[in-house]
N, C-alpha and C. Protein backbone atom coordinates (compact mmCIF):
# COMPACT_ATOMS: atom_id res chain seq x y z
N MET A 1 0.73 -1.14 0.14
CA MET A 1 0.23 -0.03 0.07
C MET A 1 1.00 1.13 0.20
N ALA A 2 0.40 2.16 -0.85
CA ALA A 2 1.17 3.39 -0.83
C ALA A 2 0.90 4.21 0.31
N ASP A 3 2.18 4.71 1.14
CA ASP A 3 2.16 5.34 2.23
C ASP A 3 1.81 6.61 2.09
N THR A 4 2.38 7.40 0.96
CA THR A 4 2.12 8.81 0.50
C THR A 4 1.73 8.85 -0.90
N VAL A 5 1.27 9.86 -1.59
CA VAL A 5 1.21 10.02 -2.82
C VAL A 5 1.60 11.78 -2.78
N THR A 6 2.30 11.95 -3.81
CA THR A 6 3.19 13.30 -4.08
C THR A 6 2.34 13.87 -5.38
N LEU A 7 1.65 14.84 -5.36
CA LEU A 7 1.14 15.80 -6.38
C LEU A 7 1.89 16.76 -6.80
N VAL A 8 2.09 16.99 -8.05
CA VAL A 8 2.68 18.07 -8.66
C VAL A 8 1.95 18.64 -9.85
N ARG A 9 1.37 19.79 -9.56
CA ARG A 9 0.94 20.54 -10.82
C ARG A 9 1.76 21.26 -11.81
N HIS A 10 1.59 20.98 -12.80
CA HIS A 10 2.58 21.47 -13.92
C HIS A 10 2.66 22.80 -13.71
N GLY A 11 3.85 23.17 -14.40
CA GLY A 11 4.32 24.54 -14.71
C GLY A 11 3.55 25.21 -15.28
N ALA A 12 3.78 26.65 -15.21
CA ALA A 12 2.95 27.79 -15.80
C ALA A 12 2.96 27.67 -17.38
N THR A 13 1.52 28.01 -17.86
CA THR A 13 1.23 27.90 -19.11
C THR A 13 0.82 29.63 -19.50
N GLU A 14 0.75 29.78 -21.00
CA GLU A 14 0.21 31.06 -20.97
C GLU A 14 -1.40 31.21 -20.47
N TRP A 15 -2.13 30.17 -20.65
CA TRP A 15 -3.40 30.27 -20.13
C TRP A 15 -3.74 30.34 -18.64
N SER A 16 -2.65 29.44 -17.82
CA SER A 16 -2.77 29.62 -16.50
C SER A 16 -2.34 30.75 -15.87
N VAL A 17 -1.44 31.45 -16.73
CA VAL A 17 -0.95 33.05 -16.12
C VAL A 17 -2.32 33.73 -16.47
N SER A 18 -3.02 33.68 -17.55
CA SER A 18 -3.87 34.58 -18.17
C SER A 18 -5.45 34.19 -17.20
N GLY A 19 -5.38 33.09 -16.44
CA GLY A 19 -6.78 32.63 -16.11
C GLY A 19 -7.68 32.22 -16.70
N GLN A 20 -7.15 31.68 -18.12
CA GLN A 20 -8.19 30.93 -19.04
C GLN A 20 -8.05 29.49 -18.61
N HIS A 21 -9.60 29.04 -18.56
CA HIS A 21 -9.89 27.40 -18.39
C HIS A 21 -9.06 26.57 -19.46
N THR A 22 -8.18 25.67 -18.82
CA THR A 22 -7.30 24.97 -19.98
C THR A 22 -7.53 23.52 -19.52
N SER A 23 -8.19 22.68 -20.68
CA SER A 23 -8.42 21.42 -20.36
C SER A 23 -7.66 20.51 -21.18
N THR A 24 -8.32 20.27 -22.34
CA THR A 24 -7.69 19.61 -23.25
C THR A 24 -6.73 20.19 -24.39
N THR A 25 -6.68 21.69 -24.61
CA THR A 25 -5.84 22.54 -25.31
C THR A 25 -4.70 22.31 -24.86
N ASP A 26 -3.74 21.48 -25.60
CA ASP A 26 -2.41 21.31 -25.09
C ASP A 26 -1.53 22.27 -25.30
N LEU A 27 -1.18 23.35 -24.34
CA LEU A 27 -0.47 24.32 -24.39
C LEU A 27 0.78 23.63 -24.13
N PRO A 28 1.91 24.28 -24.31
CA PRO A 28 3.44 24.07 -23.63
C PRO A 28 3.36 24.93 -22.34
N LEU A 29 4.50 24.82 -21.80
CA LEU A 29 5.16 25.43 -20.55
C LEU A 29 5.73 26.80 -21.07
N LEU A 30 5.63 27.74 -20.40
CA LEU A 30 6.21 29.11 -20.70
C LEU A 30 7.67 28.87 -19.99
N PRO A 31 8.57 29.85 -20.31
CA PRO A 31 9.77 29.73 -19.92
C PRO A 31 9.72 29.47 -18.21
N GLU A 32 9.10 30.51 -17.65
CA GLU A 32 8.80 30.28 -16.11
C GLU A 32 8.30 29.19 -15.70
N GLY A 33 7.39 28.34 -16.29
CA GLY A 33 6.85 27.11 -16.08
C GLY A 33 7.73 25.91 -15.94
N GLU A 34 8.92 26.18 -17.19
CA GLU A 34 9.84 25.03 -17.09
C GLU A 34 10.94 25.50 -16.03
N GLN A 35 11.10 26.52 -15.78
CA GLN A 35 12.18 26.65 -14.52
C GLN A 35 11.23 26.34 -13.24
N GLY A 36 9.82 26.52 -13.31
CA GLY A 36 9.20 25.89 -11.84
C GLY A 36 9.63 24.42 -11.96
N ALA A 37 9.37 23.79 -13.25
CA ALA A 37 9.55 22.51 -13.31
C ALA A 37 10.86 21.89 -12.68
N LEU A 38 11.76 22.88 -12.87
CA LEU A 38 13.31 22.40 -12.63
C LEU A 38 13.57 22.89 -10.97
N ASP A 39 12.68 23.55 -10.40
CA ASP A 39 12.56 23.74 -9.05
C ASP A 39 11.95 22.61 -8.52
N VAL A 40 11.18 22.08 -9.18
CA VAL A 40 10.35 20.81 -8.46
C VAL A 40 11.39 19.81 -8.19
N ALA A 41 12.30 19.74 -9.39
CA ALA A 41 13.28 18.57 -9.50
C ALA A 41 14.19 18.53 -8.36
N ALA A 42 14.85 19.93 -8.18
CA ALA A 42 15.34 20.18 -6.90
C ALA A 42 14.88 19.51 -5.45
N ARG A 43 13.68 19.86 -5.36
CA ARG A 43 13.09 19.70 -4.25
C ARG A 43 12.77 17.99 -4.18
N LEU A 44 12.56 17.38 -5.43
CA LEU A 44 12.34 15.70 -5.19
C LEU A 44 13.41 15.02 -5.68
N GLU A 45 14.71 15.54 -5.54
CA GLU A 45 15.87 14.70 -6.16
C GLU A 45 16.20 13.73 -4.96
N ARG A 46 15.98 13.69 -3.98
CA ARG A 46 16.25 12.57 -3.05
C ARG A 46 15.03 11.84 -2.65
N THR A 47 14.25 11.90 -3.17
CA THR A 47 13.19 11.02 -3.14
C THR A 47 12.66 10.15 -4.09
N SER A 48 12.63 8.53 -3.62
CA SER A 48 12.52 7.70 -4.67
C SER A 48 10.80 7.26 -4.41
N PHE A 49 10.10 6.84 -5.62
CA PHE A 49 8.89 6.76 -5.69
C PHE A 49 8.79 5.09 -6.48
N ALA A 50 7.56 4.17 -6.06
CA ALA A 50 7.29 3.31 -6.54
C ALA A 50 6.75 3.18 -8.04
N GLU A 51 5.87 4.44 -7.93
CA GLU A 51 5.23 4.67 -9.36
C GLU A 51 5.39 5.88 -9.92
N VAL A 52 5.54 6.52 -10.99
CA VAL A 52 5.61 7.72 -11.20
C VAL A 52 4.29 8.02 -12.41
N LEU A 53 3.31 8.58 -12.26
CA LEU A 53 2.13 8.68 -13.16
C LEU A 53 2.15 10.29 -13.63
N THR A 54 1.51 10.41 -14.82
CA THR A 54 1.48 11.72 -15.49
C THR A 54 0.41 11.70 -16.49
N SER A 55 -0.40 12.70 -16.42
CA SER A 55 -1.42 13.29 -17.34
C SER A 55 -0.73 13.03 -18.76
N PRO A 56 -1.62 12.66 -19.87
CA PRO A 56 -1.23 12.65 -21.04
C PRO A 56 -0.81 14.14 -21.92
N LEU A 57 -1.19 14.95 -21.36
CA LEU A 57 -1.11 16.41 -21.85
C LEU A 57 0.37 16.85 -21.56
N LYS A 58 0.90 17.65 -22.66
CA LYS A 58 2.23 17.89 -22.90
C LYS A 58 2.86 18.95 -21.85
N ARG A 59 1.67 19.66 -20.94
CA ARG A 59 2.29 20.64 -20.00
C ARG A 59 2.63 19.62 -18.79
N ALA A 60 1.88 18.77 -18.51
CA ALA A 60 2.31 17.76 -17.63
C ALA A 60 3.53 16.84 -17.86
N ARG A 61 3.44 16.13 -18.99
CA ARG A 61 4.50 15.36 -19.27
C ARG A 61 5.88 16.17 -19.22
N ARG A 62 5.77 17.16 -19.62
CA ARG A 62 7.13 18.16 -19.98
C ARG A 62 7.60 18.58 -18.40
N THR A 63 6.59 18.82 -17.45
CA THR A 63 7.08 19.22 -16.50
C THR A 63 7.53 17.82 -15.47
N ALA A 64 6.97 16.83 -15.92
CA ALA A 64 7.68 15.39 -15.22
C ALA A 64 9.00 15.27 -15.94
N GLU A 65 9.19 15.48 -16.86
CA GLU A 65 10.45 15.30 -17.61
C GLU A 65 11.41 16.31 -17.02
N LEU A 66 10.99 17.32 -16.90
CA LEU A 66 12.17 18.43 -16.42
C LEU A 66 12.19 18.34 -14.75
N ALA A 67 11.33 17.85 -14.17
CA ALA A 67 11.53 17.31 -12.60
C ALA A 67 12.25 16.21 -12.59
N GLY A 68 12.88 15.56 -13.53
CA GLY A 68 13.74 14.15 -13.61
C GLY A 68 13.07 12.83 -13.85
N PHE A 69 11.61 12.99 -14.25
CA PHE A 69 11.20 11.70 -14.52
C PHE A 69 10.48 11.81 -15.79
N PRO A 70 11.39 11.33 -16.67
CA PRO A 70 11.20 11.34 -18.18
C PRO A 70 10.42 10.09 -18.37
N ASP A 71 10.44 9.12 -17.81
CA ASP A 71 9.92 7.73 -18.08
C ASP A 71 8.67 7.49 -17.24
N ALA A 72 8.00 8.79 -17.02
CA ALA A 72 6.46 8.78 -16.11
C ALA A 72 5.39 8.19 -17.10
N GLU A 73 4.73 7.27 -16.30
CA GLU A 73 3.72 6.32 -17.01
C GLU A 73 2.52 7.32 -17.37
N ILE A 74 2.08 7.38 -18.50
CA ILE A 74 0.97 8.21 -18.91
C ILE A 74 -0.31 7.38 -18.41
N CYS A 75 -1.10 8.17 -17.70
CA CYS A 75 -2.42 7.83 -16.92
C CYS A 75 -3.56 8.81 -17.61
N ASP A 76 -4.24 8.21 -18.48
CA ASP A 76 -5.37 8.85 -19.18
C ASP A 76 -6.34 9.56 -18.05
N ASP A 77 -6.19 8.86 -16.90
CA ASP A 77 -7.42 9.18 -15.95
C ASP A 77 -6.87 10.84 -15.27
N LEU A 78 -5.83 11.07 -15.61
CA LEU A 78 -5.22 12.13 -15.01
C LEU A 78 -5.30 13.54 -15.87
N VAL A 79 -6.10 13.41 -16.90
CA VAL A 79 -6.09 14.64 -17.89
C VAL A 79 -7.10 15.48 -17.33
N GLU A 80 -7.00 16.97 -17.49
CA GLU A 80 -7.94 17.87 -16.48
C GLU A 80 -9.22 17.75 -16.67
N TRP A 81 -9.89 18.38 -16.02
CA TRP A 81 -11.42 18.19 -16.14
C TRP A 81 -11.49 19.12 -17.22
N ARG A 82 -12.66 18.35 -18.09
CA ARG A 82 -12.97 18.72 -19.71
C ARG A 82 -14.08 19.84 -19.42
N TYR A 83 -13.54 21.21 -19.64
CA TYR A 83 -14.57 22.55 -19.71
C TYR A 83 -15.21 22.66 -20.60
N GLY A 84 -15.44 21.75 -21.77
CA GLY A 84 -16.45 22.10 -22.81
C GLY A 84 -16.40 23.23 -23.31
N ASP A 85 -17.89 24.16 -23.52
CA ASP A 85 -17.89 25.39 -23.96
C ASP A 85 -16.96 26.58 -23.23
N TYR A 86 -16.52 26.26 -22.00
CA TYR A 86 -15.76 27.31 -21.43
C TYR A 86 -14.59 27.22 -21.73
N GLU A 87 -13.79 25.92 -22.43
CA GLU A 87 -12.42 25.80 -22.56
C GLU A 87 -12.15 27.29 -23.28
N GLY A 88 -10.85 28.01 -22.47
CA GLY A 88 -10.24 28.81 -23.10
C GLY A 88 -10.93 30.09 -22.39
N ARG A 89 -11.89 30.36 -21.57
CA ARG A 89 -12.74 31.23 -21.34
C ARG A 89 -12.39 31.45 -19.68
N ARG A 90 -12.23 32.97 -19.42
CA ARG A 90 -11.97 33.26 -18.05
C ARG A 90 -13.22 33.35 -17.02
N THR A 91 -13.09 33.10 -15.88
CA THR A 91 -14.26 32.95 -15.01
C THR A 91 -15.20 34.48 -15.02
N ALA A 92 -14.41 35.57 -15.08
CA ALA A 92 -15.34 36.85 -15.25
C ALA A 92 -15.95 36.83 -16.60
N GLU A 93 -15.86 36.11 -17.73
CA GLU A 93 -16.60 36.15 -18.92
C GLU A 93 -17.44 35.09 -18.70
N ILE A 94 -17.35 34.39 -18.23
CA ILE A 94 -18.52 33.49 -18.01
C ILE A 94 -19.36 33.73 -17.10
N ARG A 95 -19.01 34.46 -16.12
CA ARG A 95 -19.95 34.85 -15.01
C ARG A 95 -20.69 36.42 -15.60
N GLU A 96 -20.44 36.89 -16.97
CA GLU A 96 -21.14 37.84 -17.53
C GLU A 96 -22.39 37.11 -18.08
N ASP A 97 -22.28 35.88 -18.40
CA ASP A 97 -23.58 34.80 -18.90
C ASP A 97 -24.16 34.24 -17.83
N VAL A 98 -23.45 34.01 -16.63
CA VAL A 98 -23.79 32.90 -15.58
C VAL A 98 -23.65 33.83 -14.49
N PRO A 99 -24.24 34.54 -13.56
CA PRO A 99 -23.63 35.17 -12.49
C PRO A 99 -23.31 34.08 -11.61
N GLY A 100 -22.20 34.38 -10.68
CA GLY A 100 -22.05 33.49 -9.37
C GLY A 100 -21.57 31.97 -9.80
N TRP A 101 -21.14 31.92 -11.29
CA TRP A 101 -20.53 30.78 -11.83
C TRP A 101 -19.23 30.29 -11.07
N THR A 102 -18.97 29.18 -10.79
CA THR A 102 -18.03 28.14 -10.41
C THR A 102 -18.10 27.18 -11.09
N LEU A 103 -17.08 26.43 -11.38
CA LEU A 103 -17.03 25.00 -12.07
C LEU A 103 -17.42 24.00 -10.77
N TRP A 104 -17.23 24.41 -9.92
CA TRP A 104 -17.64 23.29 -8.65
C TRP A 104 -19.06 23.28 -8.53
N THR A 105 -19.87 24.43 -8.53
CA THR A 105 -21.30 24.60 -8.65
C THR A 105 -22.08 24.22 -9.92
N HIS A 106 -21.43 24.74 -10.96
CA HIS A 106 -22.45 24.88 -12.10
C HIS A 106 -21.85 23.94 -12.93
N GLY A 107 -20.68 23.49 -13.07
CA GLY A 107 -19.90 22.65 -14.08
C GLY A 107 -19.50 23.40 -15.42
N ALA A 108 -19.51 22.62 -16.52
CA ALA A 108 -19.42 23.28 -17.64
C ALA A 108 -20.05 22.80 -19.02
N PRO A 109 -21.07 23.61 -19.42
CA PRO A 109 -22.07 23.00 -20.79
C PRO A 109 -20.96 22.33 -21.81
N GLY A 110 -21.32 20.99 -21.94
CA GLY A 110 -20.47 20.39 -23.14
C GLY A 110 -19.09 19.63 -22.71
N GLY A 111 -18.83 19.67 -21.33
CA GLY A 111 -17.76 19.10 -20.61
C GLY A 111 -18.05 18.16 -19.71
N GLU A 112 -17.31 17.82 -18.82
CA GLU A 112 -17.32 16.75 -17.85
C GLU A 112 -18.13 17.11 -16.75
N SER A 113 -19.00 16.18 -15.78
CA SER A 113 -19.55 16.61 -14.72
C SER A 113 -18.63 16.38 -13.61
N ALA A 114 -18.72 17.01 -12.50
CA ALA A 114 -17.91 16.36 -11.51
C ALA A 114 -17.89 15.17 -11.12
N ASP A 115 -18.91 14.47 -11.13
CA ASP A 115 -19.24 13.13 -10.80
C ASP A 115 -18.34 12.20 -11.79
N GLU A 116 -18.07 12.42 -13.08
CA GLU A 116 -17.54 12.04 -14.17
C GLU A 116 -15.94 12.21 -13.82
N VAL A 117 -15.56 13.26 -13.32
CA VAL A 117 -14.28 13.45 -12.89
C VAL A 117 -13.70 12.70 -11.51
N ALA A 118 -14.78 12.67 -10.88
CA ALA A 118 -14.46 11.76 -9.67
C ALA A 118 -14.49 10.36 -9.79
N ALA A 119 -15.08 10.16 -10.99
CA ALA A 119 -14.99 8.45 -10.87
C ALA A 119 -13.29 8.14 -11.83
N ARG A 120 -12.99 9.28 -12.55
CA ARG A 120 -11.49 8.94 -13.07
C ARG A 120 -10.58 9.15 -11.86
N CYS A 121 -10.71 10.08 -10.97
CA CYS A 121 -10.07 10.41 -9.94
C CYS A 121 -10.07 8.96 -9.18
N ASP A 122 -11.36 8.61 -8.60
CA ASP A 122 -11.28 7.20 -7.81
C ASP A 122 -10.29 5.93 -8.42
N ARG A 123 -10.44 5.85 -9.74
CA ARG A 123 -9.53 4.63 -10.41
C ARG A 123 -8.11 5.05 -9.82
N VAL A 124 -7.77 6.56 -9.83
CA VAL A 124 -6.49 6.75 -9.71
C VAL A 124 -5.93 6.34 -8.50
N VAL A 125 -7.00 6.73 -7.21
CA VAL A 125 -6.92 6.87 -6.07
C VAL A 125 -6.84 5.12 -5.47
N GLU A 126 -7.58 4.37 -6.48
CA GLU A 126 -7.50 2.75 -6.14
C GLU A 126 -6.08 2.31 -6.33
N ARG A 127 -5.50 2.78 -7.60
CA ARG A 127 -4.31 2.40 -8.06
C ARG A 127 -3.29 2.81 -7.39
N ILE A 128 -3.45 3.99 -6.88
CA ILE A 128 -2.37 4.56 -5.86
C ILE A 128 -2.11 3.79 -4.51
N ARG A 129 -3.53 3.71 -3.89
CA ARG A 129 -3.64 2.42 -2.64
C ARG A 129 -3.05 1.16 -2.94
N ALA A 130 -3.03 0.47 -4.22
CA ALA A 130 -2.39 -0.65 -4.47
C ALA A 130 -1.33 -0.67 -4.84
N ALA A 131 -0.22 0.33 -4.86
CA ALA A 131 1.04 0.60 -5.36
C ALA A 131 1.71 -0.13 -4.29
N SER A 132 3.32 -0.23 -4.44
CA SER A 132 4.01 -1.11 -3.50
C SER A 132 4.73 0.08 -2.49
N GLY A 133 4.64 1.41 -2.80
CA GLY A 133 5.17 2.39 -2.26
C GLY A 133 4.95 4.05 -2.68
N PRO A 134 5.72 4.89 -2.16
CA PRO A 134 5.25 6.20 -2.75
C PRO A 134 5.01 6.21 -4.01
N VAL A 135 3.90 6.99 -4.46
CA VAL A 135 3.44 7.51 -5.78
C VAL A 135 3.66 8.73 -6.06
N LEU A 136 4.41 9.34 -7.44
CA LEU A 136 4.37 10.75 -7.60
C LEU A 136 3.28 10.84 -9.05
N VAL A 137 2.74 12.05 -8.91
CA VAL A 137 1.64 12.34 -9.67
C VAL A 137 1.79 13.44 -10.53
N PHE A 138 1.85 13.86 -11.59
CA PHE A 138 2.04 15.21 -12.50
C PHE A 138 0.89 15.32 -13.15
N ALA A 139 -0.08 16.52 -12.79
CA ALA A 139 -1.25 16.76 -13.42
C ALA A 139 -1.82 17.98 -13.36
N HIS A 140 -2.77 18.39 -13.30
CA HIS A 140 -3.57 19.77 -13.49
C HIS A 140 -4.29 20.06 -12.27
N GLY A 141 -4.52 21.31 -12.35
CA GLY A 141 -5.26 22.02 -11.03
C GLY A 141 -6.27 21.45 -10.61
N HIS A 142 -7.38 21.37 -11.69
CA HIS A 142 -8.80 20.85 -11.13
C HIS A 142 -8.76 19.37 -10.81
N VAL A 143 -8.20 18.75 -11.42
CA VAL A 143 -8.21 17.26 -11.43
C VAL A 143 -7.52 16.83 -10.39
N LEU A 144 -6.36 17.49 -9.75
CA LEU A 144 -5.69 17.07 -8.95
C LEU A 144 -6.51 17.46 -7.50
N ARG A 145 -7.15 18.67 -7.48
CA ARG A 145 -7.98 18.98 -6.12
C ARG A 145 -9.08 18.00 -6.16
N VAL A 146 -9.64 17.80 -7.01
CA VAL A 146 -10.94 16.22 -7.03
C VAL A 146 -10.08 14.99 -6.52
N LEU A 147 -9.04 14.85 -7.00
CA LEU A 147 -8.27 13.83 -6.70
C LEU A 147 -8.10 13.87 -4.92
N THR A 148 -7.71 14.92 -4.35
CA THR A 148 -7.46 15.20 -3.20
C THR A 148 -8.71 15.17 -2.48
N ALA A 149 -9.77 15.64 -2.84
CA ALA A 149 -11.07 15.44 -2.15
C ALA A 149 -11.51 13.89 -2.16
N ARG A 150 -11.31 13.16 -3.11
CA ARG A 150 -11.62 11.86 -3.11
C ARG A 150 -10.64 10.69 -2.23
N TRP A 151 -9.34 11.36 -2.17
CA TRP A 151 -8.31 10.77 -1.43
C TRP A 151 -8.99 10.86 0.40
N LEU A 152 -9.64 11.85 0.46
CA LEU A 152 -10.07 12.20 1.63
C LEU A 152 -11.49 11.71 2.12
N GLY A 153 -12.13 11.15 1.03
CA GLY A 153 -13.21 10.60 1.34
C GLY A 153 -14.45 11.61 0.98
N LEU A 154 -14.24 12.83 0.66
CA LEU A 154 -14.96 14.05 0.32
C LEU A 154 -15.59 13.98 -1.13
N PRO A 155 -17.06 14.41 -1.39
CA PRO A 155 -17.31 14.74 -2.47
C PRO A 155 -16.50 15.32 -3.37
N PRO A 156 -16.82 15.34 -4.67
CA PRO A 156 -15.85 16.17 -5.72
C PRO A 156 -15.82 17.55 -5.24
N SER A 157 -16.92 17.89 -5.31
CA SER A 157 -17.30 19.61 -5.13
C SER A 157 -16.25 19.96 -3.71
N GLU A 158 -15.90 19.38 -3.05
CA GLU A 158 -14.89 20.06 -2.15
C GLU A 158 -13.51 20.24 -2.45
N GLY A 159 -13.37 19.84 -3.80
CA GLY A 159 -12.08 20.11 -4.33
C GLY A 159 -11.83 21.51 -4.54
N ARG A 160 -13.10 22.46 -4.25
CA ARG A 160 -12.99 23.69 -4.38
C ARG A 160 -12.34 24.36 -3.15
N LEU A 161 -12.22 23.58 -2.09
CA LEU A 161 -11.20 24.38 -0.61
C LEU A 161 -9.70 24.16 -1.12
N PHE A 162 -9.44 23.52 -2.22
CA PHE A 162 -7.78 23.27 -2.17
C PHE A 162 -7.32 23.95 -3.40
N ARG A 163 -6.99 25.30 -3.14
CA ARG A 163 -6.43 26.13 -4.14
C ARG A 163 -5.11 25.58 -4.59
N LEU A 164 -4.60 25.37 -5.81
CA LEU A 164 -3.44 24.67 -6.30
C LEU A 164 -2.83 25.60 -7.24
N ASP A 165 -1.55 26.00 -6.87
CA ASP A 165 -0.81 27.11 -8.01
C ASP A 165 0.05 26.06 -8.67
N THR A 166 0.63 26.55 -9.73
CA THR A 166 1.49 25.78 -10.58
C THR A 166 2.80 25.78 -10.24
N SER A 167 3.37 24.52 -10.46
CA SER A 167 4.67 24.06 -9.90
C SER A 167 4.82 24.02 -8.37
N THR A 168 3.78 23.35 -8.02
CA THR A 168 3.79 23.05 -6.58
C THR A 168 3.70 21.61 -6.22
N ILE A 169 4.02 21.52 -5.11
CA ILE A 169 4.04 19.93 -4.51
C ILE A 169 3.40 19.76 -3.43
N SER A 170 2.09 18.89 -3.48
CA SER A 170 1.50 18.62 -2.27
C SER A 170 1.43 17.18 -2.03
N VAL A 171 1.29 16.82 -0.70
CA VAL A 171 1.45 15.26 -0.38
C VAL A 171 0.39 14.62 0.49
N LEU A 172 -0.35 13.68 0.08
CA LEU A 172 -1.27 13.15 0.73
C LEU A 172 -0.89 11.86 1.59
N GLY A 173 -1.25 11.51 2.48
CA GLY A 173 -0.88 10.43 3.21
C GLY A 173 -1.93 9.60 4.14
N HIS A 174 -1.32 9.16 5.30
CA HIS A 174 -2.32 9.03 6.20
C HIS A 174 -1.78 9.14 7.58
N GLU A 175 -2.96 9.26 8.67
CA GLU A 175 -2.40 9.43 10.01
C GLU A 175 -3.22 8.04 10.38
N ARG A 176 -2.30 7.33 11.14
CA ARG A 176 -2.74 5.60 11.03
C ARG A 176 -3.67 5.16 9.93
N GLU A 177 -4.43 4.91 10.00
CA GLU A 177 -5.61 4.60 8.67
C GLU A 177 -6.31 5.63 8.20
N THR A 178 -6.39 6.86 8.63
CA THR A 178 -7.21 7.85 8.17
C THR A 178 -6.36 8.40 6.89
N PRO A 179 -6.78 8.50 5.63
CA PRO A 179 -6.21 9.35 4.85
C PRO A 179 -6.33 10.77 5.20
N VAL A 180 -5.06 11.40 5.18
CA VAL A 180 -5.08 13.05 5.41
C VAL A 180 -4.24 13.77 4.25
N LEU A 181 -4.38 15.11 4.39
CA LEU A 181 -3.43 15.99 3.76
C LEU A 181 -2.19 16.07 4.45
N LEU A 182 -1.03 15.81 4.11
CA LEU A 182 0.37 16.30 4.88
C LEU A 182 0.86 17.72 4.47
N ARG A 183 0.65 17.80 3.24
CA ARG A 183 1.40 19.07 2.77
C ARG A 183 0.67 19.73 1.83
N TRP A 184 0.77 20.76 1.67
CA TRP A 184 -0.37 21.37 0.47
C TRP A 184 0.27 22.44 -0.23
N ASN A 185 0.45 22.61 -1.44
CA ASN A 185 0.67 23.97 -2.24
C ASN A 185 2.36 24.58 -1.95
N SER A 186 3.05 23.48 -1.66
CA SER A 186 4.23 24.10 -1.43
C SER A 186 5.35 24.10 -2.83
């Protein structure tokens, strides 16, 4: 059983900096995103993992590569929450049409529901829990927040409570048998 799972959100992209919702648009890292991934590498260099997983999108794969894990296994369940009609749009723009909109409360037309994302995250959690040791995951802001909620036994909408910046490391684990948050957004 994996005693910990380390989560790394990919480095900065043009849209993560501008606040545009980015799911399947496969953007490259900005130079500062590449530097952020190298900074992650320095922080992880003395840690070993039984498994290393990455989203199939290039911003996560490149972060994994620059962080020292070029052979990370692609896991399709780690792709970002699909934003459908809201892909590439900013929250302020969406709220002009849907006052008070959040992805957590309203979803995204033409995209995935919170329950669909949770089902993918549940498969990842099951895989992590079956691993023979610590697991490292490279992925995206919203999907990692849902993954964290599911690790903790919370509904997917509670991912709203876990703000997650680019090029950050977070660690999930256990206190005795209880799944817990060990470190966040560091």
